[in-house]
C-alpha cells in the first residue's frame, strides 16, 4: 500500500536487468549499429553490408545451407524421437535403449565433431562409415587382388583399352603362353599363391603360366619363370578371336592355366576385371555430401533429446483413448497416425521449435567436421559470422550484419513459441 513492495521487487530485479542489458541488450544494439559502418568502423556504409549478404557467393551458400538445416535436421530428429518414444514403450528394455540414445547429449558439440570427423574418414581402415559401406559393397562385388598389376614393355602383352591387356601374338597349341606382370607388392599377393611353375606344352590344348615377374631382392630374368617368383592365382584369362571370346579360364595357385583347342590361334586377353581398383567407400566429407553428413551427426546427438521430451508427453496420453481406438477396429498404424500423433502435437511443436532455434546457430559441428577444402560448401551463417568477424580478412560490418540477420531469423520462431506457450497457459 505504501509502495515499498514495488521498490522491493525493483531492487531484486535490478541485478538481473543489469546483466540482461549488459549481456543481451547492449550487444544487440551495438551489432545493429556496427552493421551500418564500413570495415574500419569509422564511416557510415548504409545498407552496403546487407547488400553483400545477398550478393557474396560464400554467404549465399551459408544462407542456403542454413535453410537446409532448418528444414531437415529438426524434422528428422523429431521424427526419430517420436518413433523411438513410441516403440520403446512396448519393450522391457526400453529404459536402457532410451539411456543409450540420450547418452550423446552428454557429449559436447566439439567432442561430437571430433568423433564424426573420424567416423567419416575416407580410409576404410580408419573411418567406421566407410568400413561398413566397403564391407557391404565387397560382399556383392569383390575387388580384384591385382589392382595395380601391369606388363612391362619387354613383356608379350600390350594395353587393349579399358584397362585390359592383350598378347602381342596369337597363341598356338604346343607352344606355352607366357603372361608375366609386375606392379604387385609381394605382401599383397594371395596367401595361398605358390611358386610359379614353368609352363609345359600340351598337344590338345593351349597351356601357359601367368606369374609375377619380379624377384624380391633383385635378380631374375624378364619373361622367364624364376624359382622365387609366384603365380597370379585367380587371374582371369580369355581367348579372343575376331573380337569374340571363345574360351576362358582362371589361373591356378602356381600360375598355370590351360584352354581348350578352340583357343588355338586366338589372342589371350586379361580383362579389366582383373585390375579393378578396390572400392574405397563414399566421400562423406566431399562437396556433395558434407552437409548431409554433418546433419547426420547432429541428429545422432539430438534425437535422444527429442525422444525424452516426446516420451514424457506420451506418458500423459490417456490410455483409454488408445484402447478405445483399438476396440473400434483401428490398426496400430491408424492408432499412431490418428490418435497418438494428434494428442502429441503440442509436445512435437515444442521439440520442433526448440531444434529449429538450435540449428540456426549451429557452428561447432560444421567447423570441426568439414575439412578446410570443403568448408565453403558446408558453410552456415554462424560459421560465416565467425569467419567474417575474426578471419584473416575480417570485416566487422559484414559480421555484424550476419548477426542481425540471424536475430531476425530467430525472432519469428521465438514469437511463435511465446504465443503457443500463452495459449497453453490459458487452457
Foldseek 3Di string as FASTA:
>chain_A
DPCVVVVVVCVVCVVVVVCCCVPPVVVLVVLVVLLQAWQVSPHGNHCVLVVCCVVPPLNVLQVVLLVVCLPPLLVVLLVLLLVLLVVLVPDPCSVVVLCVLQVLLVPDLQVLLVVLLQCLDLALVGHVQQVVVLVVVCVPPNAALAQQKDADPVAQWDDPPPQKIKGVFAFAQQDADEAEIEGHDPVSAPPLQDQADQWDGDRFWHKYFYWHQDDPPDDHDPSGRDRRTTGRFQFKKFWDDPNDTPWIDTAHSNRMDITGNVSGRTMIMRDNRNNGDRDRGDNCQDLVNVSVSLSVSVSSNNSSVSNVLLSVQQVPFDVVVLVVCVVVPDDPVCSCPVPVCVSSVVSSLVSSLVSSLVSLQDDSNLVSNHDPVNSSSNHHLNNVLCCQCPNPPHRSSSSSSSVVVSVVVSVVSVVVVVVSVVVVVVD
